[in-house]
Protein backbone atom coordinates (compact mmCIF):
# COMPACT_ATOMS: atom_id res chain seq x y z
CA UNK A 1 116.24 163.29 80.09
CA UNK A 2 115.42 163.06 83.79
CA UNK A 3 111.99 164.72 83.29
CA UNK A 4 111.10 162.40 80.47
CA UNK A 5 112.12 159.39 82.50
CA UNK A 6 110.05 160.60 85.46
CA UNK A 7 107.05 161.16 83.24
CA UNK A 8 107.41 157.69 81.69
CA UNK A 9 107.62 156.07 85.13
CA UNK A 10 104.51 157.84 86.42
CA UNK A 11 102.61 156.92 83.22
CA UNK A 12 103.70 153.31 83.56
CA UNK A 13 102.71 153.22 87.20
CA UNK A 14 99.34 154.69 86.42
CA UNK A 15 98.71 152.14 83.65
CA UNK A 16 99.76 149.28 85.92
CA UNK A 17 97.52 150.62 88.68
CA UNK A 18 94.54 150.84 86.37
CA UNK A 19 95.22 147.29 85.14
CA UNK A 20 95.48 145.92 88.66
CA UNK A 21 92.30 147.70 89.82
CA UNK A 22 90.45 146.44 86.82
CA UNK A 23 91.60 142.93 87.74
CA UNK A 24 90.56 143.03 91.38
CA UNK A 25 87.88 140.79 92.85
CA UNK A 26 86.40 140.63 96.33
CA UNK A 27 87.62 137.76 98.41
CA UNK A 28 84.52 135.94 99.79
CA UNK A 29 86.26 135.18 103.05
CA UNK A 30 87.99 138.45 103.88
CA UNK A 31 85.71 140.84 102.00
CA UNK A 32 88.83 142.58 100.73
CA UNK A 33 89.92 143.18 97.13
CA UNK A 34 92.39 140.68 95.69
CA UNK A 35 94.25 140.81 92.39
CA UNK A 36 92.62 138.29 90.11
CA UNK A 37 92.79 137.74 86.41
CA UNK A 38 90.48 134.73 86.74
CA UNK A 39 86.75 135.32 86.66
CA UNK A 40 84.21 133.07 88.35
CA UNK A 41 83.30 131.64 84.96
CA UNK A 42 86.92 130.95 84.18
CA UNK A 43 87.37 129.32 87.56
CA UNK A 44 84.43 126.97 86.88
CA UNK A 45 85.78 126.22 83.41
CA UNK A 46 89.18 125.31 84.86
CA UNK A 47 87.57 122.88 87.28
CA UNK A 48 85.39 121.35 84.59
CA UNK A 49 88.48 120.77 82.42
CA UNK A 50 90.67 119.42 85.25
CA UNK A 51 88.09 117.01 86.74
CA UNK A 52 88.05 114.41 83.90
CA UNK A 53 91.83 114.55 83.74
CA UNK A 54 92.04 113.84 87.48
CA UNK A 55 89.68 110.90 87.16
CA UNK A 56 91.52 109.56 84.10
CA UNK A 57 94.83 109.92 85.82
CA UNK A 58 93.92 108.27 89.15
CA UNK A 59 90.52 106.68 88.81
CA UNK A 60 87.64 106.88 91.28
CA UNK A 61 87.82 104.55 94.27
CA UNK A 62 84.98 102.04 93.72
CA UNK A 63 83.16 102.26 97.09
CA UNK A 64 79.65 103.76 96.86
CA UNK A 65 79.31 104.13 100.68
CA UNK A 66 82.52 106.22 100.98
CA UNK A 67 81.64 108.29 97.91
CA UNK A 68 78.22 108.99 99.38
CA UNK A 69 79.74 109.91 102.76
CA UNK A 70 82.21 112.47 101.36
CA UNK A 71 79.56 114.06 99.21
CA UNK A 72 77.00 114.35 102.07
CA UNK A 73 79.53 115.87 104.48
CA UNK A 74 80.92 118.13 101.77
CA UNK A 75 77.52 119.54 100.84
CA UNK A 76 76.71 120.06 104.54
CA UNK A 77 79.89 121.98 104.97
CA UNK A 78 79.40 124.12 101.87
CA UNK A 79 76.20 125.31 103.43
CA UNK A 80 78.17 126.98 106.29
CA UNK A 81 81.05 128.14 104.10
CA UNK A 82 81.77 131.63 102.69
CA UNK A 83 81.10 130.55 99.13
CA UNK A 84 77.88 128.83 98.27
CA UNK A 85 77.68 130.10 94.67
CA UNK A 86 79.47 127.09 93.14
CA UNK A 87 78.33 123.58 92.40
CA UNK A 88 80.70 121.57 94.51
CA UNK A 89 81.74 117.98 93.76
CA UNK A 90 83.51 115.75 96.23
CA UNK A 91 85.29 112.55 95.19
CA UNK A 92 87.59 109.83 96.51
CA UNK A 93 90.28 108.87 94.02
CA UNK A 94 92.11 105.57 93.78
CA UNK A 95 95.57 106.58 94.97
CA UNK A 96 97.53 105.22 97.93
CA UNK A 97 99.26 108.56 98.62
CA UNK A 98 98.14 110.54 101.66
CA UNK A 99 96.63 113.60 100.14
CA UNK A 100 93.60 115.82 99.67
CA UNK A 101 93.39 118.67 97.21
CA UNK A 102 90.95 121.12 95.59
CA UNK A 103 90.85 122.74 92.18
CA UNK A 104 89.05 125.89 91.15
CA UNK A 105 85.31 125.71 90.48
CA UNK A 106 84.37 123.58 93.53
CA UNK A 107 86.08 120.24 92.93
CA UNK A 108 87.52 118.47 96.02
CA UNK A 109 89.38 115.17 96.00
CA UNK A 110 90.56 112.83 98.76
CA UNK A 111 92.74 109.85 98.12
CA UNK A 112 91.90 106.43 99.54
CA UNK A 113 95.31 106.65 101.14
CA UNK A 114 94.28 109.59 103.40
CA UNK A 115 90.86 108.06 104.06
CA UNK A 116 92.63 104.96 105.43
CA UNK A 117 94.73 107.11 107.78
CA UNK A 118 91.87 109.07 109.37
CA UNK A 119 90.83 107.62 112.64
CA UNK A 120 87.49 109.37 113.13
CA UNK A 121 84.99 111.55 111.29
CA UNK A 122 86.28 114.71 112.98
CA UNK A 123 89.74 114.37 111.49
CA UNK A 124 88.17 113.93 108.04
CA UNK A 125 85.89 116.92 108.56
CA UNK A 126 88.80 119.21 109.54
CA UNK A 127 90.74 118.38 106.33
CA UNK A 128 87.51 118.60 104.29
CA UNK A 129 86.97 122.14 105.69
CA UNK A 130 90.58 122.99 104.89
CA UNK A 131 90.13 122.05 101.20
CA UNK A 132 86.74 123.86 100.91
CA UNK A 133 88.58 126.81 102.46
CA UNK A 134 91.05 126.93 99.59
CA UNK A 135 88.11 127.28 97.13
CA UNK A 136 86.16 129.67 99.31
CA UNK A 137 89.14 131.98 99.65
CA UNK A 138 89.95 131.61 95.90
CA UNK A 139 93.52 130.46 96.63
CA UNK A 140 93.87 128.49 93.40
CA UNK A 141 92.53 131.44 91.38
CA UNK A 142 94.92 133.75 93.13
CA UNK A 143 97.87 131.47 92.49
CA UNK A 144 96.88 131.30 88.86
CA UNK A 145 96.73 135.04 88.73
CA UNK A 146 100.11 135.43 90.30
CA UNK A 147 101.52 132.95 87.83
CA UNK A 148 100.00 134.86 84.90
CA UNK A 149 101.27 138.10 86.36
CA UNK A 150 104.82 136.72 86.58
CA UNK A 151 104.46 135.09 83.14
CA UNK A 152 105.43 131.71 84.55
CA UNK A 153 104.14 128.54 82.90
CA UNK A 154 102.34 125.87 84.86
CA UNK A 155 104.01 122.45 84.33
CA UNK A 156 103.42 119.30 86.33
CA UNK A 157 106.69 118.14 87.99
CA UNK A 158 107.96 115.16 86.08
CA UNK A 159 110.96 112.89 86.36
CA UNK A 160 111.61 113.39 82.65
CA UNK A 161 112.86 116.26 80.53
CA UNK A 162 110.28 118.88 79.57
CA UNK A 163 110.57 118.19 75.81
CA UNK A 164 109.16 114.69 76.45
CA UNK A 165 106.17 115.96 78.41
CA UNK A 166 103.77 115.65 75.47
CA UNK A 167 104.34 111.88 75.38
CA UNK A 168 103.66 111.58 79.09
CA UNK A 169 100.42 113.53 78.58
CA UNK A 170 100.77 115.07 82.05
CA UNK A 171 101.67 118.66 81.23
CA UNK A 172 98.18 119.97 80.59
CA UNK A 173 97.70 123.35 82.26
CA UNK A 174 94.39 122.32 83.87
CA UNK A 175 95.90 119.21 85.53
CA UNK A 176 98.84 121.32 86.66
CA UNK A 177 96.44 123.35 88.82
CA UNK A 178 96.49 120.41 91.22
CA UNK A 179 100.11 120.97 91.94
CA UNK A 180 100.08 124.64 92.88
CA UNK A 181 102.00 125.19 96.05
CA UNK A 182 100.08 127.46 98.37
CA UNK A 183 101.96 129.96 100.52
CA UNK A 184 102.06 129.99 104.26
CA UNK A 185 99.33 132.58 104.52
CA UNK A 186 97.02 130.58 102.31
CA UNK A 187 97.61 127.41 104.27
CA UNK A 188 97.14 129.20 107.57
CA UNK A 189 93.85 130.66 106.33
CA UNK A 190 92.62 127.32 105.10
CA UNK A 191 93.48 125.75 108.49
CA UNK A 192 91.40 128.43 110.16
CA UNK A 193 88.53 127.79 107.83
CA UNK A 194 88.86 124.05 108.29
CA UNK A 195 88.47 124.55 112.04
CA UNK A 196 85.56 126.94 111.58
CA UNK A 197 83.57 124.90 109.04
CA UNK A 198 84.07 121.54 110.84
CA UNK A 199 83.07 123.08 114.14
CA UNK A 200 79.99 124.63 112.63
CA UNK A 201 78.68 121.30 111.45
CA UNK A 202 79.24 119.76 114.85
CA UNK A 203 82.69 118.17 114.86
CA UNK A 204 85.56 118.52 117.40
CA UNK A 205 88.23 120.35 115.38
CA UNK A 206 90.91 119.42 117.96
CA UNK A 207 91.04 116.11 116.02
CA UNK A 208 92.25 117.99 112.93
CA UNK A 209 95.36 119.03 114.92
CA UNK A 210 95.89 115.42 115.92
CA UNK A 211 95.86 114.36 112.30
CA UNK A 212 98.71 116.73 111.57
CA UNK A 213 100.77 114.58 114.00
CA UNK A 214 99.91 111.55 111.88
CA UNK A 215 101.09 113.33 108.76
CA UNK A 216 104.30 114.42 110.47
CA UNK A 217 105.06 110.83 111.57
CA UNK A 218 104.29 109.52 108.12
CA UNK A 219 106.73 112.04 106.54
CA UNK A 220 109.43 111.04 109.05
CA UNK A 221 108.87 107.36 108.25
CA UNK A 222 109.06 108.07 104.57
CA UNK A 223 112.46 109.78 104.63
CA UNK A 224 114.13 106.66 103.26
CA UNK A 225 111.07 105.86 101.08
CA UNK A 226 109.83 109.30 100.15
CA UNK A 227 106.15 109.95 99.40
CA UNK A 228 105.86 110.73 95.66
CA UNK A 229 106.20 114.47 95.56
CA UNK A 230 103.76 114.85 92.64
CA UNK A 231 100.99 114.88 95.28
CA UNK A 232 102.88 116.76 98.04
CA UNK A 233 100.77 119.88 97.81
CA UNK A 234 100.85 120.77 101.45
CA UNK A 235 103.65 122.14 103.61
CA UNK A 236 105.27 120.31 106.56
CA UNK A 237 102.58 119.83 109.26
CA UNK A 238 104.93 119.99 112.27
CA UNK A 239 104.32 123.65 113.13
CA UNK A 240 100.58 123.58 112.56
CA UNK A 241 99.58 121.33 115.40
CA UNK A 242 99.56 123.96 118.20
CA UNK A 243 97.95 126.62 116.07
CA UNK A 244 95.02 124.43 115.10
CA UNK A 245 94.52 123.27 118.73
CA UNK A 246 94.22 126.91 119.80
CA UNK A 247 91.82 127.72 116.99
CA UNK A 248 89.68 124.66 117.85
CA UNK A 249 89.45 125.79 121.46
CA UNK A 250 88.39 129.32 120.34
CA UNK A 251 85.71 128.03 117.93
CA UNK A 252 84.37 125.65 120.63
CA UNK A 253 83.70 128.68 122.78
CA UNK A 254 82.15 130.61 119.89
CA UNK A 255 79.62 128.05 118.77
CA UNK A 256 78.75 126.86 122.35
CA UNK A 257 77.69 123.53 120.96
CA UNK A 258 77.78 120.80 123.64
CA UNK A 259 79.16 117.41 122.72
CA UNK A 260 81.04 118.14 119.53
CA UNK A 261 81.32 114.90 117.65
CA UNK A 262 84.36 112.75 117.05
CA UNK A 263 82.60 109.52 115.79
CA UNK A 264 85.58 107.20 115.90
CA UNK A 265 83.92 103.79 115.82
CA UNK A 266 81.43 104.64 113.04
CA UNK A 267 84.24 105.94 110.85
CA UNK A 268 86.48 102.94 111.39
CA UNK A 269 83.63 100.53 110.61
CA UNK A 270 82.99 102.48 107.38
CA UNK A 271 86.57 102.17 106.12
CA UNK A 272 86.89 98.51 107.10
CA UNK A 273 88.17 96.78 103.96
CA UNK A 274 89.56 99.88 102.22
CA UNK A 275 92.53 99.07 99.97
CA UNK A 276 95.81 99.94 101.58
CA UNK A 277 98.96 100.89 99.67
CA UNK A 278 99.45 99.97 96.04
CA UNK A 279 96.73 97.82 94.50
CA UNK A 280 98.47 94.95 92.67
CA UNK A 281 95.40 94.32 90.55
CA UNK A 282 96.24 97.58 88.75
CA UNK A 283 99.84 96.54 88.13
CA UNK A 284 102.93 96.55 90.29
CA UNK A 285 106.72 96.32 90.12
CA UNK A 286 108.56 93.55 91.87
CA UNK A 287 112.26 92.61 91.39
CA UNK A 288 112.49 94.98 88.40
CA UNK A 289 109.50 93.45 86.59
CA UNK A 290 106.18 95.13 85.94
CA UNK A 291 103.24 92.68 86.41
CA UNK A 292 99.64 93.33 85.53
CA UNK A 293 97.45 90.55 87.02
CA UNK A 294 94.23 91.79 85.51
CA UNK A 295 95.51 92.16 81.97
CA UNK A 296 97.87 89.19 82.37
CA UNK A 297 101.15 90.53 80.98
CA UNK A 298 104.59 91.37 82.26
CA UNK A 299 107.81 93.06 81.11
CA UNK A 300 111.06 94.15 82.77
CA UNK A 301 111.85 97.66 84.10
CA UNK A 302 115.47 98.70 83.32
CA UNK A 303 117.67 98.62 86.48
CA UNK A 304 117.88 102.00 88.13
CA UNK A 305 115.00 103.57 86.20
CA UNK A 306 112.25 105.44 88.04
CA UNK A 307 108.67 104.43 87.32
CA UNK A 308 105.09 105.61 87.82
CA UNK A 309 101.87 103.71 87.33
CA UNK A 310 98.40 105.13 86.65
CA UNK A 311 95.21 103.83 85.11
CA UNK A 312 96.20 105.54 81.84
CA UNK A 313 99.76 104.38 81.45
CA UNK A 314 102.89 102.92 82.98
CA UNK A 315 105.86 105.24 82.66
CA UNK A 316 109.58 104.53 83.18
CA UNK A 317 112.40 107.10 83.10
CA UNK A 318 116.20 106.93 83.18
CA UNK A 319 117.60 108.67 86.24
CA UNK A 320 119.47 111.24 84.10
CA UNK A 321 116.18 112.31 82.53
CA UNK A 322 117.40 111.69 79.04
CA UNK A 323 115.07 108.85 78.11
CA UNK A 324 111.64 107.51 78.95
CA UNK A 325 109.48 104.60 78.06
CA UNK A 326 105.71 104.50 78.30
CA UNK A 327 103.15 101.71 78.00
CA UNK A 328 99.73 102.73 76.81
CA UNK A 329 96.79 101.32 74.94
CA UNK A 330 96.28 102.43 71.35
CA UNK A 331 93.23 102.24 69.12
CA UNK A 332 93.15 100.37 65.84
CA UNK A 333 91.84 97.13 64.36
CA UNK A 334 95.27 96.10 63.04
CA UNK A 335 98.83 96.84 64.09
CA UNK A 336 99.41 98.87 60.89
CA UNK A 337 96.32 101.01 61.59
CA UNK A 338 97.49 101.56 65.16
CA UNK A 339 100.95 102.54 63.87
CA UNK A 340 99.45 105.19 61.57
CA UNK A 341 97.29 106.60 64.36
CA UNK A 342 100.37 106.82 66.61
CA UNK A 343 102.42 108.66 63.90
CA UNK A 344 99.56 111.12 63.37
CA UNK A 345 98.86 111.71 67.10
CA UNK A 346 102.50 112.62 67.88
CA UNK A 347 103.31 114.09 64.46
CA UNK A 348 106.07 111.55 63.93
CA UNK A 349 107.92 110.73 60.72
CA UNK A 350 108.58 107.03 60.29
CA UNK A 351 112.26 106.08 59.51
CA UNK A 352 111.87 102.33 59.44
CA UNK A 353 109.30 99.70 60.40
CA UNK A 354 108.83 95.92 60.30
CA UNK A 355 106.53 93.18 61.44
CA UNK A 356 107.76 91.24 64.45
CA UNK A 357 106.76 88.42 66.82
CA UNK A 358 107.30 89.03 70.51
CA UNK A 359 107.12 85.88 72.54
CA UNK A 360 104.53 84.42 70.26
CA UNK A 361 102.50 87.66 70.01
CA UNK A 362 102.03 89.66 66.76
CA UNK A 363 103.98 92.86 66.92
CA UNK A 364 105.03 95.83 64.84
CA UNK A 365 108.35 97.76 65.42
CA UNK A 366 108.66 101.36 64.38
CA UNK A 367 111.50 103.95 64.59
CA UNK A 368 110.27 107.52 64.04
CA UNK A 369 111.41 111.12 64.55
CA UNK A 370 109.67 114.20 65.71
CA UNK A 371 111.41 117.46 64.73
CA UNK A 372 110.61 120.65 66.62
CA UNK A 373 108.21 122.95 64.87
CA UNK A 374 109.62 126.15 63.44
CA UNK A 375 107.99 128.47 65.92
CA UNK A 376 109.38 126.38 68.80
CA UNK A 377 112.83 126.87 67.39
CA UNK A 378 112.37 130.60 67.08
CA UNK A 379 110.96 130.93 70.61
CA UNK A 380 113.80 129.00 72.16
CA UNK A 381 116.40 130.80 69.95
CA UNK A 382 118.60 127.68 69.92
CA UNK A 383 118.85 124.39 68.16
CA UNK A 384 116.59 121.79 69.79
CA UNK A 385 117.58 118.16 69.07
CA UNK A 386 115.22 115.95 67.14
CA UNK A 387 113.32 113.52 69.30
CA UNK A 388 113.67 109.88 68.22
CA UNK A 389 111.31 107.06 69.27
CA UNK A 390 111.30 103.31 69.17
CA UNK A 391 107.84 101.80 69.43
CA UNK A 392 106.70 98.18 69.69
CA UNK A 393 103.02 97.67 69.07
CA UNK A 394 101.93 94.33 70.48
CA UNK A 395 98.59 92.65 70.00
CA UNK A 396 97.42 90.58 72.93
CA UNK A 397 93.98 89.46 74.06
CA UNK A 398 92.18 91.70 71.52
CA UNK A 399 94.07 94.76 72.69
CA UNK A 400 96.98 96.64 71.10
CA UNK A 401 99.65 97.83 73.51
CA UNK A 402 102.21 100.49 72.69
CA UNK A 403 105.59 100.42 74.37
CA UNK A 404 107.39 103.62 73.25
CA UNK A 405 110.94 104.59 74.05
CA UNK A 406 111.80 108.28 73.67
CA UNK A 407 115.09 110.17 73.69
CA UNK A 408 116.92 112.90 71.83
CA UNK A 409 118.26 111.52 68.55
CA UNK A 410 121.82 112.21 69.79
CA UNK A 411 121.16 109.89 72.78
CA UNK A 412 119.12 107.26 70.98
CA UNK A 413 121.87 104.76 70.42
CA UNK A 414 122.82 104.85 74.11
CA UNK A 415 119.28 103.83 75.05
CA UNK A 416 118.35 101.61 72.13
CA UNK A 417 119.33 98.37 73.93
CA UNK A 418 117.33 99.29 77.04
CA UNK A 419 114.33 100.15 74.85
CA UNK A 420 114.39 97.05 72.65
CA UNK A 421 115.25 94.64 75.46
CA UNK A 422 112.30 95.80 77.51
CA UNK A 423 109.91 95.69 74.60
CA UNK A 424 111.02 92.27 73.36
CA UNK A 425 110.45 90.82 76.78
CA UNK A 426 106.78 91.74 76.89
CA UNK A 427 105.00 88.35 77.53
CA UNK A 428 101.97 86.62 78.82
CA UNK A 429 101.73 86.41 82.64
CA UNK A 430 101.17 82.82 83.70
CA UNK A 431 102.54 82.62 87.24
CA UNK A 432 99.51 81.75 89.53
CA UNK A 433 101.12 83.44 92.54
CA UNK A 434 101.24 86.75 90.63
CA UNK A 435 97.90 86.32 88.86
CA UNK A 436 96.15 85.75 92.19
CA UNK A 437 98.00 88.52 94.16
CA UNK A 438 95.52 90.50 96.17
CA UNK A 439 95.66 94.00 97.56
CA UNK A 440 96.33 94.61 101.25
CA UNK A 441 93.23 96.07 103.07
CA UNK A 442 92.59 97.79 106.33
CA UNK A 443 90.85 95.44 108.68
CA UNK A 444 89.21 96.84 111.78
CA UNK A 445 89.42 94.51 114.83
CA UNK A 446 87.70 94.55 118.18
CA UNK A 447 90.33 94.19 120.88
CA UNK A 448 89.74 91.14 123.06
CA UNK A 449 92.42 91.67 125.64
CA UNK A 450 93.74 95.00 126.97
CA UNK A 451 97.39 95.90 126.57
CA UNK A 452 99.71 98.35 124.84
CA UNK A 453 99.09 98.95 121.13
CA UNK A 454 102.22 96.89 120.34
CA UNK A 455 100.90 93.90 122.32
CA UNK A 456 97.50 94.16 120.66
CA UNK A 457 98.99 94.36 117.19
CA UNK A 458 101.11 91.29 117.88
CA UNK A 459 97.91 89.45 118.83
CA UNK A 460 96.91 89.90 115.16
CA UNK A 461 100.25 88.63 113.87
CA UNK A 462 101.50 92.07 112.72
CA UNK A 463 105.21 91.59 111.83
CA UNK A 464 107.68 93.40 114.05
CA UNK A 465 108.97 95.43 111.08
CA UNK A 466 105.53 96.85 110.50
CA UNK A 467 104.57 97.80 114.06
CA UNK A 468 105.55 101.44 113.65
CA UNK A 469 103.69 101.61 110.38
CA UNK A 470 100.53 100.27 112.01
CA UNK A 471 100.89 102.65 114.96
CA UNK A 472 100.89 105.57 112.54
CA UNK A 473 97.92 104.13 110.75
CA UNK A 474 96.06 104.03 114.09
CA UNK A 475 97.21 107.52 115.11
CA UNK A 476 98.69 106.08 118.26
CA UNK A 477 102.05 105.29 119.92
CA UNK A 478 103.15 101.71 120.38
CA UNK A 479 103.35 102.06 124.14
CA UNK A 480 99.86 103.56 124.37
CA UNK A 481 97.26 101.58 126.31
CA UNK A 482 94.43 100.00 124.42
CA UNK A 483 91.28 98.87 126.31
CA UNK A 484 89.34 95.67 125.62
CA UNK A 485 86.39 96.24 123.28
CA UNK A 486 88.01 99.17 121.49
CA UNK A 487 88.74 99.15 117.75
CA UNK A 488 92.10 99.08 116.04
CA UNK A 489 93.24 98.91 112.48
CA UNK A 490 95.53 96.20 111.03
CA UNK A 491 96.50 95.45 107.43
CA UNK A 492 95.78 92.07 105.87
CA UNK A 493 95.39 90.59 102.39
């Protein structure tokens, strides 16, 4: 028995070794062999699939100058990188969250939120190099390989139960690539590459270290109002500051380039007017009501429910994760046609339906079930409850809106009142104060009179409760001296 077992183990080890060796690829940065089940072609395909989903989810930020800037700097940096064999694309997406991320195949994204918080081109360049470093070192592909090796599924973190993910339309594997958490070694390597690449194209990489302090302060400020963790793809920046400063000093000696650039004023002038925080024109929640000034409608959000807004949909979820509601647009010339398309799309079986009027608007109410497919039941080896939905289709201004409430059939009665009350309070938005609500924007000011940052900010009528927030936005301390003629950022409507 012992001999047979030993022979079996050796055979298994040999087979595994052959499989791993067959799946090795040379890392462009280190030159060493890495385990990879993802080929270059697959990597490109993943990026091509993920890119339209990213754009649909967040939207591009509509600023041609900034889009041109990130692409020009990105392409210049690719030319000095370890991996020039990909067609890179660089885009700024319309999200207020402070983040930058890369997906396989050469796609790099910066949010307008992080662009607003940079205080010079050198800070931007360091983070840009970091993200290109993830692609150059094939970190996303390696993470995907590790995931496949461990037979773990990639699912976007959601505030709702997994069985409802198909309705949220956020669980696609390609979009989930954005949310891979890189390990310490990967992040350290990308920091090193960020310093190297930004220095090679003429920027002072010390500024990259300074930006980590801004991120640290932003995280500390957000402890009571946490940054949405669906974009928190990077580890805590606190311990990276000193390391990056040392790396920057080393690379400054290596390249021997005099006058490495910071370019503070030119960057600040370029982002003057960038949207800051949530853009109310795209919809916002205030006093438990969702308003959409552009589309001119409103409806309540159940008390205590979490919510998330995107260009594609507005989603609400009960804190216990047992129910969600989602507002989306649905195709169809009539409400009945839209209802049929909805049933077909989600493979729902109608239980009851009726024509309604919701605050003077034509509507169609529909209760429908979705039972688990047989193979799902077999895979899970347990009884999965039927999903029950209540949908109100509402016709308004030539568009059909779907408000769908979703829960397990066993919980449906508990949430029916919340579902129906929300849907029946969908109405036209007529309040001029809401209709005319404008986004806050970063405004760059030339300091007329020297003083501390706090004194300067007060000159521009910054409220006391927002002084710390503006200090972080400027990458400065409130007691720091500001000279006359220098530029500072404030936020105004």
